Each structure stands twice: as C-alpha cells, then as structure tokens.
Amino acid sequence: MSNPNIEQLAAAQKANAEVLLALLRTAFNSVERLTALNVAASREFFNNSVANSQQLLAAKDPAAVAKLNADLAQPNLEKLVEYSRSVYELTTDVQKELTSVIEAQYGKLTKDATSAVQKATAAAPVGGDVFAAAMNSVINASTQAFESLNSVTRQLAEIAEANVQSATKATGVKAVATKAPAKTSATAAAAKKSTAK
C-alpha cells in the first residue's frame, strides 16, 4: 500500500477552500446589494408616502382627492415594477455567478476523474478495462445530468424573464417611463450602484 500523496490532498483542500470562498463572496455581495436596494426602496417609499399624504390633506373636496388618488397610483405602480425588475436582475446576476463557479468546479472534477480513470486503467491488471468502462459510464451519466440541470435552470430563468417583461407590458410602465427619462428613482439608482460594484 502506498501513502496518500500529501501534496495532492493539500492542493485539493486549497481548491475546495477557494470554491467555498468564491461562493461565500458571491452570497455576501448579493446580500449587500439586496440590502442597499431595500434601504433605497424603503426610503423612497417613505418620502413618497409623506409627500402623497401632504397632497391628499391639502385637497379641498372629494373630487380633488379622487383625482389625486388616480394621479398618484401610476407612479407607485411604476416604482413597484421597477423594484421587482431590480430584484429580478440582482437574482439573475447572482445565479449566473454561482452557476459559473459550480460549472468551473464540476468541469475540473470531471477532468480529474477522467484522468484518474485513465491512469488506473493503464496500471490495472487484466480486467481493469471493465472497471474503466463502468467509471466512464458513471462520468458520462453525471455529465448528462449536470447538463440537463443547467438546461432546466436556463429555461426557468427565461420563463421568469418573460414573466417580468409581460408584467411590465401589462402595467404599461415602460410606455410611461419613456415619457420622463430624466428622473431616476432612488431605487433604480441603488440597484445600478450595487450592480456596478
């Protein structure tokens, strides 16, 4: 029996630690971005609520209150859709980052496993080719399963994106938002700022 190769074990541990750190960094960055987005949205919601309440209190008759309610509803709907879109974009970015880390790790694992099978086959006694064929079959099956999982994940992301676009079209936010592009809400600014990090 041979002793385990300490250098290979150390390298494997280091690689695993790097993957874990990359996943943790991505998780912490996403929490930070989501927190910034939520704080900005909460601040904007509070400021708008105060301003809207002051406008409603200044109304002189029920007709003016009804007109103000109608006038204030569309901007609030636009902000809600904008917030939802920002959360969706953040979630999509995080998913892409996590998927890329996992794909890179899976690719390395598959490559290492294939290399190990080839080395074992070369050094194996008679009948080792049966073991190698079985291992290659397992590797191929796991690769197909991984690719299927990635395909399903991409399809779910496409469905979610289509739903966000449909909701945007249904509310008419895009048409209204193009009329006044000069003013950017605090929520959108926080989302763009956190995305730029």
C-alpha atoms as a PDB file:
ATOM      1  CA  MET A   1       0.000   0.000   0.000  1.00  0.00           C
ATOM      2  CA  SER A   2       1.214   3.459  -0.794  1.00  0.00           C
ATOM      3  CA  ASN A   3       0.880   6.542   1.360  1.00  0.00           C
ATOM      4  CA  PRO A   4      -1.558   9.178   0.114  1.00  0.00           C
ATOM      5  CA  ASN A   5       0.093  11.958  -1.770  1.00  0.00           C
ATOM      6  CA  ILE A   6       0.102  14.832   0.731  1.00  0.00           C
ATOM      7  CA  GLU A   7       0.677  17.458  -1.951  1.00  0.00           C
ATOM      8  CA  GLN A   8      -2.368  16.314  -3.921  1.00  0.00           C
ATOM      9  CA  LEU A   9      -4.501  16.339  -0.787  1.00  0.00           C
ATOM     10  CA  ALA A  10      -3.264  19.834   0.106  1.00  0.00           C
ATOM     11  CA  ALA A  11      -3.959  21.063  -3.425  1.00  0.00           C
ATOM     12  CA  ALA A  12      -7.460  19.561  -3.335  1.00  0.00           C
ATOM     13  CA  GLN A  13      -8.154  21.190   0.048  1.00  0.00           C
ATOM     14  CA  LYS A  14      -6.897  24.529  -1.253  1.00  0.00           C
ATOM     15  CA  ALA A  15      -9.091  24.256  -4.367  1.00  0.00           C
ATOM     16  CA  ASN A  16     -12.135  23.370  -2.246  1.00  0.00           C
ATOM     17  CA  ALA A  17     -11.437  26.304   0.075  1.00  0.00           C
ATOM     18  CA  GLU A  18     -11.173  28.666  -2.909  1.00  0.00           C
ATOM     19  CA  VAL A  19     -14.505  27.440  -4.290  1.00  0.00           C
ATOM     20  CA  LEU A  20     -16.147  27.852  -0.894  1.00  0.00           C
ATOM     21  CA  LEU A  21     -14.714  31.377  -0.563  1.00  0.00           C
ATOM     22  CA  ALA A  22     -15.956  32.287  -4.047  1.00  0.00           C
ATOM     23  CA  LEU A  23     -19.448  31.048  -3.162  1.00  0.00           C
ATOM     24  CA  LEU A  24     -19.399  32.938   0.152  1.00  0.00           C
ATOM     25  CA  ARG A  25     -18.195  36.143  -1.536  1.00  0.00           C
ATOM     26  CA  THR A  26     -20.998  35.878  -4.045  1.00  0.00           C
ATOM     27  CA  ALA A  27     -23.542  35.293  -1.274  1.00  0.00           C
ATOM     28  CA  PHE A  28     -22.305  38.239   0.817  1.00  0.00           C
ATOM     29  CA  ASN A  29     -22.190  40.551  -2.212  1.00  0.00           C
ATOM     30  CA  SER A  30     -25.749  39.602  -3.123  1.00  0.00           C
ATOM     31  CA  VAL A  31     -26.971  40.232   0.419  1.00  0.00           C
ATOM     32  CA  GLU A  32     -25.195  43.593   0.417  1.00  0.00           C
ATOM     33  CA  ARG A  33     -26.734  44.551  -2.937  1.00  0.00           C
ATOM     34  CA  LEU A  34     -30.210  43.422  -1.879  1.00  0.00           C
ATOM     35  CA  THR A  35     -29.908  45.345   1.393  1.00  0.00           C
ATOM     36  CA  ALA A  36     -28.876  48.524  -0.445  1.00  0.00           C
ATOM     37  CA  LEU A  37     -31.788  48.076  -2.841  1.00  0.00           C
ATOM     38  CA  ASN A  38     -34.263  47.526   0.017  1.00  0.00           C
ATOM     39  CA  VAL A  39     -32.980  50.506   2.018  1.00  0.00           C
ATOM     40  CA  ALA A  40     -33.247  52.780  -1.013  1.00  0.00           C
ATOM     41  CA  ALA A  41     -36.732  51.462  -1.834  1.00  0.00           C
ATOM     42  CA  SER A  42     -37.869  51.915   1.777  1.00  0.00           C
ATOM     43  CA  ARG A  43     -36.506  55.455   1.899  1.00  0.00           C
ATOM     44  CA  GLU A  44     -38.195  56.317  -1.390  1.00  0.00           C
ATOM     45  CA  PHE A  45     -41.468  54.714  -0.272  1.00  0.00           C
ATOM     46  CA  PHE A  46     -41.411  56.706   2.982  1.00  0.00           C
ATOM     47  CA  ASN A  47     -40.638  60.003   1.243  1.00  0.00           C
ATOM     48  CA  ASN A  48     -43.337  59.400  -1.367  1.00  0.00           C
ATOM     49  CA  SER A  49     -45.868  58.431   1.295  1.00  0.00           C
ATOM     50  CA  VAL A  50     -45.222  61.640   3.199  1.00  0.00           C
ATOM     51  CA  ALA A  51     -45.470  63.748   0.035  1.00  0.00           C
ATOM     52  CA  ASN A  52     -48.618  61.948  -1.098  1.00  0.00           C
ATOM     53  CA  SER A  53     -50.235  62.337   2.325  1.00  0.00           C
ATOM     54  CA  GLN A  54     -49.491  66.063   2.311  1.00  0.00           C
ATOM     55  CA  GLN A  55     -51.057  66.407  -1.148  1.00  0.00           C
ATOM     56  CA  LEU A  56     -54.142  64.468  -0.062  1.00  0.00           C
ATOM     57  CA  LEU A  57     -54.505  66.553   3.109  1.00  0.00           C
ATOM     58  CA  ALA A  58     -54.262  69.734   1.042  1.00  0.00           C
ATOM     59  CA  ALA A  59     -57.148  68.643  -1.202  1.00  0.00           C
ATOM     60  CA  LYS A  60     -60.247  70.799  -0.778  1.00  0.00           C
ATOM     61  CA  ASP A  61     -63.029  68.456  -1.916  1.00  0.00           C
ATOM     62  CA  PRO A  62     -63.729  64.752  -2.578  1.00  0.00           C
ATOM     63  CA  ALA A  63     -63.292  65.193  -6.340  1.00  0.00           C
ATOM     64  CA  ALA A  64     -59.770  66.543  -5.802  1.00  0.00           C
ATOM     65  CA  VAL A  65     -58.983  63.603  -3.502  1.00  0.00           C
ATOM     66  CA  ALA A  66     -60.223  61.128  -6.119  1.00  0.00           C
ATOM     67  CA  LYS A  67     -58.179  62.840  -8.843  1.00  0.00           C
ATOM     68  CA  LEU A  68     -55.069  62.841  -6.635  1.00  0.00           C
ATOM     69  CA  ASN A  69     -55.516  59.136  -5.838  1.00  0.00           C
ATOM     70  CA  ALA A  70     -55.696  58.346  -9.541  1.00  0.00           C
ATOM     71  CA  ASP A  71     -52.692  60.565 -10.314  1.00  0.00           C
ATOM     72  CA  LEU A  72     -50.590  59.038  -7.524  1.00  0.00           C
ATOM     73  CA  ALA A  73     -51.413  55.402  -8.344  1.00  0.00           C
ATOM     74  CA  GLN A  74     -49.459  55.194 -11.631  1.00  0.00           C
ATOM     75  CA  PRO A  75     -46.097  56.399 -10.252  1.00  0.00           C
ATOM     76  CA  ASN A  76     -46.435  53.972  -7.347  1.00  0.00           C
ATOM     77  CA  LEU A  77     -47.165  51.123  -9.752  1.00  0.00           C
ATOM     78  CA  GLU A  78     -44.141  52.127 -11.840  1.00  0.00           C
ATOM     79  CA  LYS A  79     -41.921  52.082  -8.761  1.00  0.00           C
ATOM     80  CA  LEU A  80     -43.218  48.670  -7.723  1.00  0.00           C
ATOM     81  CA  VAL A  81     -42.486  47.214 -11.164  1.00  0.00           C
ATOM     82  CA  GLU A  82     -39.079  48.924 -11.182  1.00  0.00           C
ATOM     83  CA  TYR A  83     -38.270  47.439  -7.771  1.00  0.00           C
ATOM     84  CA  SER A  84     -39.394  43.987  -8.914  1.00  0.00           C
ATOM     85  CA  ARG A  85     -37.257  44.293 -12.028  1.00  0.00           C
ATOM     86  CA  SER A  86     -34.246  45.323  -9.934  1.00  0.00           C
ATOM     87  CA  VAL A  87     -34.693  42.345  -7.600  1.00  0.00           C
ATOM     88  CA  TYR A  88     -35.034  40.043 -10.611  1.00  0.00           C
ATOM     89  CA  GLU A  89     -31.849  41.439 -12.209  1.00  0.00           C
ATOM     90  CA  LEU A  90     -29.954  41.023  -8.943  1.00  0.00           C
ATOM     91  CA  THR A  91     -31.189  37.450  -8.587  1.00  0.00           C
ATOM     92  CA  THR A  92     -30.236  36.668 -12.173  1.00  0.00           C
ATOM     93  CA  ASP A  93     -26.739  38.090 -11.674  1.00  0.00           C
ATOM     94  CA  VAL A  94     -26.218  36.045  -8.517  1.00  0.00           C
ATOM     95  CA  GLN A  95     -27.493  32.902 -10.240  1.00  0.00           C
ATOM     96  CA  LYS A  96     -25.062  33.447 -13.121  1.00  0.00           C
ATOM     97  CA  GLU A  97     -22.137  33.958 -10.725  1.00  0.00           C
ATOM     98  CA  LEU A  98     -22.969  30.859  -8.694  1.00  0.00           C
ATOM     99  CA  THR A  99     -23.530  28.777 -11.817  1.00  0.00           C
ATOM    100  CA  SER A 100     -20.179  29.810 -13.271  1.00  0.00           C
ATOM    101  CA  VAL A 101     -18.360  28.839 -10.061  1.00  0.00           C
ATOM    102  CA  ILE A 102     -20.173  25.494  -9.896  1.00  0.00           C
ATOM    103  CA  GLU A 103     -19.632  24.782 -13.602  1.00  0.00           C
ATOM    104  CA  ALA A 104     -15.913  25.517 -13.289  1.00  0.00           C
ATOM    105  CA  GLN A 105     -15.647  23.236 -10.254  1.00  0.00           C
ATOM    106  CA  TYR A 106     -17.665  20.476 -11.939  1.00  0.00           C
ATOM    107  CA  GLY A 107     -15.530  20.732 -15.077  1.00  0.00           C
ATOM    108  CA  LYS A 108     -12.358  20.381 -13.019  1.00  0.00           C
ATOM    109  CA  LEU A 109     -13.817  17.470 -11.068  1.00  0.00           C
ATOM    110  CA  THR A 110     -14.835  15.674 -14.278  1.00  0.00           C
ATOM    111  CA  LYS A 111     -11.416  16.265 -15.815  1.00  0.00           C
ATOM    112  CA  ASP A 112      -9.648  14.962 -12.700  1.00  0.00           C
ATOM    113  CA  ALA A 113     -11.933  11.920 -12.518  1.00  0.00           C
ATOM    114  CA  THR A 114     -11.363  11.084 -16.184  1.00  0.00           C
ATOM    115  CA  SER A 115      -7.604  11.442 -15.719  1.00  0.00           C
ATOM    116  CA  ALA A 116      -7.684   9.201 -12.648  1.00  0.00           C
ATOM    117  CA  VAL A 117      -9.668   6.541 -14.534  1.00  0.00           C
ATOM    118  CA  GLN A 118      -7.186   6.636 -17.404  1.00  0.00           C
ATOM    119  CA  LYS A 119      -4.235   6.273 -15.009  1.00  0.00           C
ATOM    120  CA  ALA A 120      -5.953   3.445 -13.151  1.00  0.00           C
ATOM    121  CA  THR A 121      -6.728   1.676 -16.415  1.00  0.00           C
ATOM    122  CA  ALA A 122      -3.119   1.889 -17.555  1.00  0.00           C
ATOM    123  CA  ALA A 123      -1.841   0.446 -14.287  1.00  0.00           C
ATOM    124  CA  ALA A 124      -4.640  -2.064 -13.742  1.00  0.00           C
ATOM    125  CA  PRO A 125      -4.245  -5.792 -14.126  1.00  0.00           C
ATOM    126  CA  VAL A 126      -6.310  -7.832 -16.538  1.00  0.00           C
ATOM    127  CA  GLY A 127      -9.990  -6.953 -16.204  1.00  0.00           C
ATOM    128  CA  GLY A 128      -9.269  -3.321 -15.341  1.00  0.00           C
ATOM    129  CA  ASP A 129     -10.892  -2.245 -18.574  1.00  0.00           C
ATOM    130  CA  VAL A 130     -14.282  -3.322 -17.205  1.00  0.00           C
ATOM    131  CA  PHE A 131     -13.772  -1.026 -14.203  1.00  0.00           C
ATOM    132  CA  ALA A 132     -12.689   1.812 -16.504  1.00  0.00           C
ATOM    133  CA  ALA A 133     -15.741   1.344 -18.723  1.00  0.00           C
ATOM    134  CA  ALA A 134     -18.012   1.415 -15.681  1.00  0.00           C
ATOM    135  CA  MET A 135     -16.351   4.571 -14.334  1.00  0.00           C
ATOM    136  CA  ASN A 136     -16.516   6.278 -17.734  1.00  0.00           C
ATOM    137  CA  SER A 137     -20.201   5.387 -17.885  1.00  0.00           C
ATOM    138  CA  VAL A 138     -20.754   6.987 -14.458  1.00  0.00           C
ATOM    139  CA  ILE A 139     -18.849  10.117 -15.505  1.00  0.00           C
ATOM    140  CA  ASN A 140     -20.838  10.394 -18.748  1.00  0.00           C
ATOM    141  CA  ALA A 141     -24.138   9.922 -16.907  1.00  0.00           C
ATOM    142  CA  SER A 142     -23.252  12.573 -14.340  1.00  0.00           C
ATOM    143  CA  THR A 143     -22.192  14.970 -17.103  1.00  0.00           C
ATOM    144  CA  GLN A 144     -25.519  14.469 -18.884  1.00  0.00           C
ATOM    145  CA  ALA A 145     -27.410  15.001 -15.637  1.00  0.00           C
ATOM    146  CA  PHE A 146     -25.442  18.170 -14.918  1.00  0.00           C
ATOM    147  CA  GLU A 147     -26.105  19.497 -18.433  1.00  0.00           C
ATOM    148  CA  SER A 148     -29.815  18.696 -18.063  1.00  0.00           C
ATOM    149  CA  LEU A 149     -29.910  20.569 -14.761  1.00  0.00           C
ATOM    150  CA  ASN A 150     -28.216  23.579 -16.358  1.00  0.00           C
ATOM    151  CA  SER A 151     -30.684  23.463 -19.239  1.00  0.00           C
ATOM    152  CA  VAL A 152     -33.656  23.417 -16.855  1.00  0.00           C
ATOM    153  CA  THR A 153     -32.148  26.295 -14.873  1.00  0.00           C
ATOM    154  CA  ARG A 154     -31.710  28.359 -18.044  1.00  0.00           C
ATOM    155  CA  GLN A 155     -35.281  27.600 -19.103  1.00  0.00           C
ATOM    156  CA  LEU A 156     -36.614  28.695 -15.701  1.00  0.00           C
ATOM    157  CA  ALA A 157     -34.597  31.912 -15.959  1.00  0.00           C
ATOM    158  CA  GLU A 158     -36.035  32.568 -19.420  1.00  0.00           C
ATOM    159  CA  ILE A 159     -39.571  31.958 -18.138  1.00  0.00           C
ATOM    160  CA  ALA A 160     -39.006  34.331 -15.221  1.00  0.00           C
ATOM    161  CA  GLU A 161     -37.626  36.988 -17.559  1.00  0.00           C
ATOM    162  CA  ALA A 162     -40.607  36.587 -19.882  1.00  0.00           C
ATOM    163  CA  ASN A 163     -42.936  36.972 -16.880  1.00  0.00           C
ATOM    164  CA  VAL A 164     -41.187  40.185 -15.805  1.00  0.00           C
ATOM    165  CA  GLN A 165     -41.461  41.555 -19.340  1.00  0.00           C
ATOM    166  CA  SER A 166     -45.133  40.571 -19.536  1.00  0.00           C
ATOM    167  CA  ALA A 167     -45.842  42.252 -16.210  1.00  0.00           C
ATOM    168  CA  THR A 168     -44.048  45.370 -17.392  1.00  0.00           C
ATOM    169  CA  LYS A 169     -46.077  45.446 -20.611  1.00  0.00           C
ATOM    170  CA  ALA A 170     -49.340  44.708 -18.786  1.00  0.00           C
ATOM    171  CA  THR A 171     -48.888  47.612 -16.395  1.00  0.00           C
ATOM    172  CA  GLY A 172     -47.868  49.994 -19.163  1.00  0.00           C
ATOM    173  CA  VAL A 173     -44.902  51.131 -17.115  1.00  0.00           C
ATOM    174  CA  LYS A 174     -42.455  51.114 -19.990  1.00  0.00           C
ATOM    175  CA  ALA A 175     -44.539  53.479 -22.086  1.00  0.00           C
ATOM    176  CA  VAL A 176     -44.931  55.889 -19.171  1.00  0.00           C
ATOM    177  CA  ALA A 177     -41.290  55.587 -18.147  1.00  0.00           C
ATOM    178  CA  THR A 178     -40.100  56.615 -21.620  1.00  0.00           C
ATOM    179  CA  LYS A 179     -42.049  59.868 -21.357  1.00  0.00           C
ATOM    180  CA  ALA A 180     -39.970  61.072 -18.401  1.00  0.00           C
ATOM    181  CA  PRO A 181     -36.495  59.535 -18.587  1.00  0.00           C
ATOM    182  CA  ALA A 182     -34.788  62.465 -16.861  1.00  0.00           C
ATOM    183  CA  LYS A 183     -35.848  61.470 -13.340  1.00  0.00           C
ATOM    184  CA  THR A 184     -34.324  58.281 -11.943  1.00  0.00           C
ATOM    185  CA  SER A 185     -35.738  56.931  -8.716  1.00  0.00           C
ATOM    186  CA  ALA A 186     -33.590  56.208  -5.709  1.00  0.00           C
ATOM    187  CA  THR A 187     -34.407  52.509  -6.046  1.00  0.00           C
ATOM    188  CA  ALA A 188     -33.106  52.378  -9.610  1.00  0.00           C
ATOM    189  CA  ALA A 189     -30.025  54.358  -8.629  1.00  0.00           C
ATOM    190  CA  ALA A 190     -29.298  51.981  -5.729  1.00  0.00           C
ATOM    191  CA  ALA A 191     -29.746  48.973  -8.000  1.00  0.00           C
ATOM    192  CA  LYS A 192     -27.384  50.416 -10.598  1.00  0.00           C
ATOM    193  CA  LYS A 193     -24.869  51.421  -7.933  1.00  0.00           C
ATOM    194  CA  SER A 194     -24.901  47.979  -6.297  1.00  0.00           C
ATOM    195  CA  THR A 195     -24.644  46.280  -9.693  1.00  0.00           C
ATOM    196  CA  ALA A 196     -21.588  48.361 -10.542  1.00  0.00           C
ATOM    197  CA  LYS A 197     -19.664  47.026  -7.516  1.00  0.00           C
END
